[in-house]
Amino acid sequence: MTQVLVTGAGGFLGSHLIPALSRAGYDVICCGRHTAALRMRFPACRVVECDFASRKGSDSWDSVLRGVSVVINAAGIIQQHGANTFEAVHHNSPSIMFHAAEQAGVRRVIQISALGADTQATIRYHRTKWAADEVLRGLSLEWVVLQPSLIYGPGGRSQAFFAALAALPVMPLIGCGDQRIQPIHVDDVVDGILRLLPSDAPSRVTLPVVGPEPVPLRCFLETIRRWLGLAVAPTLAVPLGLVRLAAHVGDVVRSEFVNTDTLAMLCRENTADPTPYLIATGVKPRPLSTGLPAAAASHPERLAASLSFLRPLLLFSIAAVWIGSGVVSLFLFPQETSEAWLVRVGIPATWTAPTLMTAAALDIVLGFAMLLHWQLPLVLTIQLLLIVGFSLILTARMPELWTHPFGPLLKNLPLCVATLVLWAMERRR
């Protein structure tokens, strides 16, 4: 049985590709960072750890590649975070793996690159993909470089983002929304990869992987809106300068889709001739008009689209409460009043000032940790425990706060619920 190693097994394309490979009779090795999750998701596959952010020399691939006939590299990131940089995940580690595959006698490597990864590339995402492609093209084994445009389908994060845009009461567009994209359904990509696995399939080729025809962004969003079962919505033409400003803000807060790189990709023509892919694979990509309606949006998909942009608003509002609380306690609210409250809850008078400063500083730190997305589930858990703990202490020591006209304790109830909602949303990401 032919062994196929799939890197990026936990990603969008990998999660669709692995079941298709298993159904086709291949012995699949799932390679990814979160091995426990992969074992639960693909119990019939052998799972090996593969963290492109930390994997070093080619010798670390020896045992993984032993007996493997085909490697499919579907690993990739959209936003850098910590050690997960474009250079590490797209270029350095794949290059090491490609050389190790050649030494191990792997017959074929299929590299999932990106449309726009070429000599004209200006953004890091494309440049690092292109650098790895060039390494692979210089090796003696059978290689295929696939350059997909936007891939859509069930479970796709890009589709979820565009669905969130389409679900807004007023659809925002960059200018007139005439930026052209050429989306392709994930099943058409998977079918093409399957047909490129045999030894007699085309090799040493670079293929753009695109839908049958270019689609303006405006039409793409309108199609998704119909798929969501929503009525036609008015559009809002957002000036490019304002979009660029939002993209720079997205860089600072590490937004996955609203950043300068994704804006540059969108503004560059993401189109190509679908004929080479059709000739090489025999797969005729379905048009967008049949790709989405083939599986009408489910209730969870419609709900996720409607709530998607509420998540950052929820995050920023909760962070603002914590930062504001700390700032008010330190600089605006009378310190004597705060210290008197601390005495009433059992803090010795000599400790009230340092306790107040420590608590206020902690509030500010937790708020900024949220804005920086640092260990967000942990930060939310700490916040929830602090809210509940303080509420219980104040209930025991100062129960009159429950009937205070400004509701200092009553307001903790919706804050607790909002924190729980955000925590649940983060756990599902």
Protein backbone atom coordinates (compact mmCIF):
# COMPACT_ATOMS: atom_id res chain seq x y z
CA MET A 1 0.00 0.00 0.00
CA THR A 2 1.38 3.41 -0.99
CA GLN A 3 2.32 5.56 1.99
CA VAL A 4 1.45 9.25 1.76
CA LEU A 5 2.66 11.79 4.31
CA VAL A 6 0.47 14.89 4.72
CA THR A 7 1.90 17.87 6.60
CA GLY A 8 -0.50 20.49 7.90
CA ALA A 9 -2.93 17.63 8.54
CA GLY A 10 -4.97 19.69 11.00
CA GLY A 11 -5.53 22.54 8.56
CA PHE A 12 -8.47 23.22 6.27
CA LEU A 13 -7.11 21.49 3.16
CA GLY A 14 -5.50 18.68 5.15
CA SER A 15 -8.74 17.88 6.97
CA HIS A 16 -10.49 17.39 3.62
CA LEU A 17 -7.58 15.64 1.93
CA ILE A 18 -6.88 12.94 4.52
CA PRO A 19 -10.32 11.25 4.44
CA ALA A 20 -10.22 11.31 0.61
CA LEU A 21 -6.78 9.65 0.60
CA SER A 22 -7.99 6.97 3.02
CA ARG A 23 -11.06 6.26 0.89
CA ALA A 24 -8.79 5.95 -2.16
CA GLY A 25 -6.80 3.20 -0.43
CA TYR A 26 -3.65 5.07 0.55
CA ASP A 27 -1.80 4.50 3.82
CA VAL A 28 -1.92 8.03 5.24
CA ILE A 29 0.49 9.49 7.78
CA CYS A 30 -0.90 12.64 9.41
CA CYS A 31 1.78 15.13 10.33
CA GLY A 32 0.86 18.12 12.48
CA ARG A 33 1.43 20.06 15.68
CA HIS A 34 -1.53 18.87 17.76
CA THR A 35 -1.11 15.11 17.71
CA ALA A 36 -3.80 14.30 20.29
CA ALA A 37 -6.43 16.18 18.29
CA LEU A 38 -5.29 14.51 15.06
CA ARG A 39 -5.58 11.04 16.60
CA MET A 40 -9.14 11.78 17.67
CA ARG A 41 -10.03 13.24 14.28
CA PHE A 42 -8.33 10.58 12.13
CA PRO A 43 -8.23 7.38 14.20
CA ALA A 44 -7.37 5.21 11.18
CA CYS A 45 -4.19 7.18 10.35
CA ARG A 46 -0.72 7.07 11.85
CA VAL A 47 -0.02 10.42 13.49
CA VAL A 48 3.42 11.99 13.91
CA GLU A 49 4.35 15.32 15.42
CA CYS A 50 5.39 17.93 12.91
CA ASP A 51 5.92 21.48 14.15
CA PHE A 52 7.48 23.51 11.36
CA ALA A 53 8.19 26.31 13.82
CA SER A 54 10.68 24.17 15.76
CA ARG A 55 11.77 21.25 13.56
CA LYS A 56 15.50 21.57 12.77
CA GLY A 57 17.83 19.36 10.72
CA SER A 58 17.04 16.81 8.04
CA ASP A 59 17.93 13.95 10.42
CA SER A 60 14.73 14.70 12.35
CA TRP A 61 12.80 13.56 9.27
CA ASP A 62 14.55 10.20 8.81
CA SER A 63 12.10 8.06 10.79
CA VAL A 64 9.08 10.02 9.58
CA LEU A 65 9.90 9.58 5.88
CA ARG A 66 10.93 5.92 6.05
CA GLY A 67 8.78 4.00 3.56
CA VAL A 68 6.94 7.10 2.35
CA SER A 69 6.29 7.33 -1.40
CA VAL A 70 4.58 10.72 -1.60
CA VAL A 71 4.78 13.85 0.55
CA ILE A 72 2.01 16.45 0.38
CA ASN A 73 3.04 19.67 2.08
CA ALA A 74 -0.18 21.46 3.07
CA ALA A 75 1.35 23.33 6.03
CA GLY A 76 0.91 27.08 6.06
CA ILE A 77 -0.07 30.09 8.13
CA ILE A 78 -1.84 33.34 7.31
CA GLN A 79 -0.63 35.34 10.31
CA GLN A 80 2.71 35.10 12.12
CA HIS A 81 2.69 34.41 15.85
CA GLY A 82 5.71 33.77 18.02
CA ALA A 83 7.95 31.11 16.48
CA ASN A 84 5.35 30.47 13.78
CA THR A 85 6.87 32.83 11.25
CA PHE A 86 6.44 32.77 7.48
CA GLU A 87 10.14 32.08 7.09
CA ALA A 88 10.04 29.07 9.42
CA VAL A 89 6.74 27.51 8.35
CA HIS A 90 6.76 28.31 4.62
CA HIS A 91 10.45 28.24 3.75
CA ASN A 92 13.02 26.88 6.21
CA SER A 93 11.30 23.75 7.51
CA PRO A 94 9.74 22.70 4.18
CA SER A 95 13.11 23.12 2.47
CA ILE A 96 14.74 20.85 5.03
CA MET A 97 11.94 18.32 4.57
CA PHE A 98 12.26 18.43 0.77
CA HIS A 99 15.99 17.64 0.94
CA ALA A 100 15.32 14.87 3.48
CA ALA A 101 12.63 13.44 1.22
CA GLU A 102 15.07 13.29 -1.69
CA GLN A 103 17.65 11.51 0.49
CA ALA A 104 15.02 9.09 1.83
CA GLY A 105 13.98 8.02 -1.67
CA VAL A 106 10.55 9.65 -1.62
CA ARG A 107 9.19 9.42 -5.16
CA ARG A 108 7.03 12.54 -5.34
CA VAL A 109 6.45 15.77 -3.41
CA ILE A 110 3.35 17.89 -3.93
CA GLN A 111 3.82 21.39 -2.59
CA ILE A 112 0.75 23.49 -1.79
CA SER A 113 2.03 26.96 -2.56
CA ALA A 114 -0.06 30.03 -3.38
CA LEU A 115 -1.14 31.99 -6.41
CA GLY A 116 1.17 35.00 -6.49
CA ALA A 117 4.23 33.13 -5.18
CA ASP A 118 6.57 34.17 -7.97
CA THR A 119 9.42 36.54 -8.80
CA GLN A 120 7.03 39.52 -8.57
CA ALA A 121 5.98 38.68 -5.01
CA THR A 122 6.15 41.62 -2.59
CA ILE A 123 4.62 40.26 0.62
CA ARG A 124 6.22 37.83 3.07
CA TYR A 125 3.54 35.18 2.63
CA HIS A 126 4.21 34.90 -1.11
CA ARG A 127 7.99 35.41 -0.93
CA THR A 128 8.49 32.59 1.57
CA LYS A 129 6.22 30.24 -0.36
CA TRP A 130 8.14 31.03 -3.55
CA ALA A 131 11.49 30.42 -1.83
CA ALA A 132 10.41 26.92 -0.79
CA ASP A 133 9.01 26.25 -4.26
CA GLU A 134 12.39 27.14 -5.77
CA VAL A 135 14.17 24.71 -3.42
CA LEU A 136 11.82 21.93 -4.46
CA ARG A 137 12.20 22.71 -8.16
CA GLY A 138 15.96 22.21 -7.82
CA LEU A 139 15.68 18.61 -6.57
CA SER A 140 15.82 15.43 -8.62
CA LEU A 141 12.59 13.82 -7.39
CA GLU A 142 9.16 14.16 -9.01
CA TRP A 143 7.68 17.44 -7.85
CA VAL A 144 4.45 19.32 -8.39
CA VAL A 145 3.88 22.88 -7.17
CA LEU A 146 0.21 23.77 -6.83
CA GLN A 147 -0.69 27.46 -6.56
CA PRO A 148 -4.28 27.75 -5.33
CA SER A 149 -6.26 30.94 -5.28
CA LEU A 150 -8.80 31.36 -2.48
CA ILE A 151 -10.05 27.89 -1.47
CA TYR A 152 -13.60 27.78 -0.15
CA GLY A 153 -15.76 25.03 1.30
CA PRO A 154 -17.00 23.63 4.64
CA GLY A 155 -14.68 24.53 7.50
CA GLY A 156 -12.64 27.10 5.61
CA ARG A 157 -11.47 30.06 7.67
CA SER A 158 -11.32 32.29 4.60
CA GLN A 159 -14.88 31.40 3.74
CA ALA A 160 -15.91 32.07 7.34
CA PHE A 161 -14.32 35.53 7.18
CA PHE A 162 -16.03 36.44 3.91
CA ALA A 163 -19.29 35.01 5.25
CA ALA A 164 -18.96 37.32 8.25
CA LEU A 165 -18.50 40.29 5.91
CA ALA A 166 -21.46 39.20 3.78
CA ALA A 167 -23.69 38.80 6.85
CA LEU A 168 -23.28 42.40 8.00
CA PRO A 169 -26.37 44.62 7.65
CA VAL A 170 -24.32 46.79 5.28
CA MET A 171 -21.64 45.01 3.25
CA PRO A 172 -18.33 46.91 3.26
CA LEU A 173 -16.37 46.97 -0.01
CA ILE A 174 -12.93 48.23 -0.90
CA GLY A 175 -13.95 51.03 -3.24
CA CYS A 176 -16.40 49.53 -5.72
CA GLY A 177 -15.51 45.97 -4.73
CA ASP A 178 -14.15 45.20 -8.19
CA GLN A 179 -11.03 43.36 -6.93
CA ARG A 180 -11.01 40.07 -8.83
CA ILE A 181 -10.54 36.70 -7.18
CA GLN A 182 -10.88 33.20 -8.61
CA PRO A 183 -12.11 30.98 -5.77
CA ILE A 184 -11.98 27.20 -6.10
CA HIS A 185 -13.94 24.65 -4.08
CA VAL A 186 -11.87 22.49 -1.72
CA ASP A 187 -13.25 19.28 -3.24
CA ASP A 188 -11.87 20.31 -6.64
CA VAL A 189 -8.45 20.84 -5.07
CA VAL A 190 -8.58 17.47 -3.31
CA ASP A 191 -9.66 15.68 -6.50
CA GLY A 192 -6.78 17.27 -8.38
CA ILE A 193 -4.23 16.19 -5.76
CA LEU A 194 -5.51 12.61 -5.86
CA ARG A 195 -5.02 12.51 -9.61
CA LEU A 196 -1.47 13.81 -9.29
CA LEU A 197 -0.34 10.99 -6.97
CA PRO A 198 0.31 8.11 -9.44
CA SER A 199 3.79 7.77 -10.91
CA ASP A 200 2.49 8.36 -14.44
CA ALA A 201 0.82 11.67 -13.48
CA PRO A 202 2.43 14.92 -14.67
CA SER A 203 5.43 16.00 -12.62
CA ARG A 204 7.99 18.81 -12.48
CA VAL A 205 5.18 21.26 -13.22
CA THR A 206 3.78 24.36 -11.51
CA LEU A 207 0.02 24.61 -11.78
CA PRO A 208 -2.27 27.51 -10.85
CA VAL A 209 -5.27 26.08 -9.03
CA VAL A 210 -8.22 28.37 -9.63
CA GLY A 211 -11.93 28.38 -10.30
CA PRO A 212 -13.30 28.53 -13.85
CA GLU A 213 -13.48 32.32 -14.04
CA PRO A 214 -12.59 35.50 -12.13
CA VAL A 215 -15.24 36.90 -9.80
CA PRO A 216 -15.36 40.49 -8.48
CA LEU A 217 -15.20 40.61 -4.70
CA ARG A 218 -18.62 42.29 -4.66
CA CYS A 219 -20.22 39.37 -6.54
CA PHE A 220 -18.42 36.85 -4.32
CA LEU A 221 -19.89 38.44 -1.18
CA GLU A 222 -23.35 38.65 -2.74
CA THR A 223 -23.23 34.95 -3.61
CA ILE A 224 -22.20 34.06 -0.06
CA ARG A 225 -25.00 36.22 1.31
CA ARG A 226 -27.53 34.31 -0.78
CA TRP A 227 -25.98 31.05 0.44
CA LEU A 228 -26.53 32.25 4.00
CA GLY A 229 -30.20 32.79 3.18
CA LEU A 230 -30.06 36.55 3.75
CA ALA A 231 -31.82 39.25 1.80
CA VAL A 232 -29.95 41.67 -0.42
CA ALA A 233 -28.08 44.26 1.65
CA PRO A 234 -26.83 47.73 0.78
CA THR A 235 -23.09 48.12 0.24
CA LEU A 236 -20.66 50.66 1.66
CA ALA A 237 -17.71 51.80 -0.45
CA VAL A 238 -14.78 52.14 1.96
CA PRO A 239 -11.88 54.29 0.65
CA LEU A 240 -8.65 52.36 0.12
CA GLY A 241 -6.78 54.70 2.48
CA LEU A 242 -9.14 53.85 5.32
CA VAL A 243 -8.83 50.13 4.56
CA ARG A 244 -5.04 50.47 4.67
CA LEU A 245 -5.30 52.13 8.08
CA ALA A 246 -7.47 49.25 9.33
CA ALA A 247 -4.95 46.79 7.89
CA HIS A 248 -2.11 48.43 9.85
CA VAL A 249 -4.21 48.21 13.00
CA GLY A 250 -4.77 44.54 12.15
CA ASP A 251 -1.00 44.07 11.99
CA VAL A 252 -0.67 45.46 15.52
CA VAL A 253 -3.40 43.26 17.01
CA ARG A 254 -2.37 40.27 14.83
CA SER A 255 -5.66 39.96 13.01
CA GLU A 256 -5.70 36.86 10.82
CA PHE A 257 -7.42 38.40 7.82
CA VAL A 258 -7.44 42.18 8.29
CA ASN A 259 -3.75 43.00 7.83
CA THR A 260 -1.44 44.56 5.26
CA ASP A 261 -0.45 41.22 3.70
CA THR A 262 -4.00 40.04 3.03
CA LEU A 263 -4.92 43.49 1.72
CA ALA A 264 -1.99 43.36 -0.70
CA MET A 265 -3.05 39.87 -1.84
CA LEU A 266 -6.60 41.06 -2.41
CA CYS A 267 -5.56 44.16 -4.33
CA ARG A 268 -3.22 42.14 -6.54
CA GLU A 269 -4.95 40.23 -9.35
CA ASN A 270 -5.60 36.76 -7.90
CA THR A 271 -6.51 35.24 -11.25
CA ALA A 272 -5.01 32.71 -13.63
CA ASP A 273 -5.83 30.42 -16.53
CA PRO A 274 -7.57 27.26 -15.23
CA THR A 275 -6.66 25.26 -18.37
CA PRO A 276 -3.28 23.86 -17.20
CA TYR A 277 -4.89 22.42 -14.07
CA LEU A 278 -7.69 20.90 -16.12
CA ILE A 279 -5.23 19.31 -18.58
CA ALA A 280 -2.95 17.96 -15.85
CA THR A 281 -5.65 16.54 -13.59
CA GLY A 282 -8.82 16.21 -15.64
CA VAL A 283 -10.64 18.16 -12.91
CA LYS A 284 -12.97 20.86 -14.16
CA PRO A 285 -13.47 23.24 -11.23
CA ARG A 286 -17.10 24.03 -10.48
CA PRO A 287 -18.28 27.64 -10.75
CA LEU A 288 -19.02 29.54 -7.57
CA SER A 289 -22.74 29.53 -8.41
CA THR A 290 -22.88 25.75 -7.89
CA GLY A 291 -20.04 25.35 -5.39
CA LEU A 292 -21.73 27.13 -2.49
CA PRO A 293 -25.42 26.26 -3.02
CA ALA A 294 -24.42 22.58 -3.28
CA ALA A 295 -24.39 22.65 0.53
CA ALA A 296 -26.68 25.38 1.84
CA ALA A 297 -25.43 27.11 4.97
CA SER A 298 -26.35 25.31 8.16
CA HIS A 299 -27.74 27.07 11.21
CA PRO A 300 -24.34 27.01 12.99
CA GLU A 301 -22.69 28.50 9.88
CA ARG A 302 -25.28 31.27 9.69
CA LEU A 303 -24.92 31.93 13.40
CA ALA A 304 -21.12 32.00 13.20
CA ALA A 305 -21.26 34.46 10.29
CA SER A 306 -23.63 36.74 12.17
CA LEU A 307 -21.56 36.70 15.36
CA SER A 308 -18.07 36.78 13.87
CA PHE A 309 -17.52 40.55 14.04
CA LEU A 310 -19.10 40.72 17.49
CA ARG A 311 -16.16 38.74 18.87
CA PRO A 312 -13.56 41.55 18.48
CA LEU A 313 -16.10 44.07 19.79
CA LEU A 314 -16.73 41.83 22.78
CA LEU A 315 -13.00 41.40 23.34
CA PHE A 316 -12.22 45.11 23.13
CA SER A 317 -15.15 46.07 25.37
CA ILE A 318 -14.16 43.60 28.10
CA ALA A 319 -10.52 44.68 27.83
CA ALA A 320 -11.63 48.32 28.12
CA VAL A 321 -13.53 47.51 31.34
CA TRP A 322 -10.43 46.00 32.92
CA ILE A 323 -8.02 48.70 31.76
CA GLY A 324 -10.49 51.44 32.66
CA SER A 325 -11.09 49.94 36.09
CA GLY A 326 -7.37 49.93 36.83
CA VAL A 327 -6.83 53.48 35.57
CA VAL A 328 -9.82 54.83 37.53
CA SER A 329 -8.65 53.10 40.71
CA LEU A 330 -5.12 54.47 40.38
CA PHE A 331 -5.74 58.03 39.21
CA LEU A 332 -9.39 59.14 39.29
CA PHE A 333 -11.36 57.59 42.16
CA PRO A 334 -10.61 58.96 45.66
CA GLN A 335 -7.98 56.69 47.15
CA GLU A 336 -9.34 57.15 50.68
CA THR A 337 -12.73 55.74 49.64
CA SER A 338 -11.13 52.73 47.94
CA GLU A 339 -8.95 52.04 50.98
CA ALA A 340 -11.97 52.31 53.29
CA TRP A 341 -13.75 49.66 51.21
CA LEU A 342 -10.70 47.42 51.43
CA VAL A 343 -10.71 47.74 55.22
CA ARG A 344 -14.38 46.70 55.25
CA VAL A 345 -13.60 43.53 53.29
CA GLY A 346 -10.88 42.55 55.76
CA ILE A 347 -7.63 44.08 54.44
CA PRO A 348 -5.48 45.53 57.28
CA ALA A 349 -5.18 49.32 57.08
CA THR A 350 -1.41 49.12 56.58
CA TRP A 351 -1.93 46.95 53.49
CA THR A 352 -4.71 48.87 51.79
CA ALA A 353 -2.51 51.14 49.65
CA PRO A 354 -0.26 48.38 48.21
CA THR A 355 -3.30 46.12 47.76
CA LEU A 356 -5.11 48.83 45.83
CA MET A 357 -2.11 49.49 43.58
CA THR A 358 -1.52 45.77 42.97
CA ALA A 359 -5.17 45.11 42.13
CA ALA A 360 -5.35 48.10 39.79
CA ALA A 361 -2.10 47.11 38.06
CA LEU A 362 -3.41 43.55 37.65
CA ASP A 363 -6.58 44.88 36.04
CA ILE A 364 -4.54 46.87 33.53
CA VAL A 365 -2.19 43.96 32.77
CA LEU A 366 -5.12 41.59 32.16
CA GLY A 367 -6.78 44.13 29.89
CA PHE A 368 -3.69 44.61 27.74
CA ALA A 369 -3.07 40.85 27.69
CA MET A 370 -6.49 40.52 26.06
CA LEU A 371 -5.71 43.16 23.45
CA LEU A 372 -2.43 41.38 22.63
CA HIS A 373 -4.16 37.97 22.49
CA TRP A 374 -1.67 36.61 25.01
CA GLN A 375 -2.88 33.25 26.36
CA LEU A 376 -6.44 34.50 25.93
CA PRO A 377 -8.32 31.47 27.36
CA LEU A 378 -6.09 31.61 30.46
CA VAL A 379 -6.56 35.37 30.85
CA LEU A 380 -10.34 35.01 30.54
CA THR A 381 -10.34 32.24 33.13
CA ILE A 382 -8.37 34.42 35.58
CA GLN A 383 -10.74 37.31 34.97
CA LEU A 384 -13.78 35.13 35.57
CA LEU A 385 -12.33 33.78 38.82
CA LEU A 386 -11.50 37.33 39.98
CA ILE A 387 -15.01 38.60 39.19
CA VAL A 388 -16.67 35.70 41.00
CA GLY A 389 -14.24 35.91 43.93
CA PHE A 390 -14.63 39.65 44.42
CA SER A 391 -18.41 39.39 44.06
CA LEU A 392 -18.60 36.72 46.77
CA ILE A 393 -16.36 38.71 49.14
CA LEU A 394 -18.34 41.91 48.59
CA THR A 395 -21.62 40.03 49.03
CA ALA A 396 -20.43 38.77 52.41
CA ARG A 397 -18.90 42.04 53.61
CA MET A 398 -20.88 44.75 51.80
CA PRO A 399 -24.23 43.24 50.76
CA GLU A 400 -25.75 46.70 50.31
CA LEU A 401 -23.88 46.99 47.02
CA TRP A 402 -26.50 44.68 45.47
CA THR A 403 -29.12 47.39 46.01
CA HIS A 404 -26.88 50.33 45.09
CA PRO A 405 -28.57 52.42 42.34
CA PHE A 406 -25.47 52.18 40.09
CA GLY A 407 -25.44 48.39 40.44
CA PRO A 408 -21.70 47.78 41.08
CA LEU A 409 -22.36 44.09 41.80
CA LEU A 410 -25.32 43.57 39.47
CA LYS A 411 -23.10 44.62 36.55
CA ASN A 412 -20.81 41.71 37.30
CA LEU A 413 -23.52 39.29 36.14
CA PRO A 414 -23.52 40.34 32.45
CA LEU A 415 -19.74 40.75 32.60
CA CYS A 416 -19.43 37.13 33.76
CA VAL A 417 -21.70 35.95 30.94
CA ALA A 418 -19.84 38.04 28.34
CA THR A 419 -16.52 36.61 29.56
CA LEU A 420 -17.90 33.06 29.36
CA VAL A 421 -19.17 33.68 25.82
CA LEU A 422 -15.78 34.99 24.68
CA TRP A 423 -14.01 32.10 26.41
CA ALA A 424 -16.24 29.62 24.59
CA MET A 425 -15.60 31.36 21.25
CA GLU A 426 -11.85 31.22 21.83
CA ARG A 427 -11.97 27.52 22.70
CA ARG A 428 -13.58 26.81 19.32
CA ARG A 429 -10.97 28.73 17.31
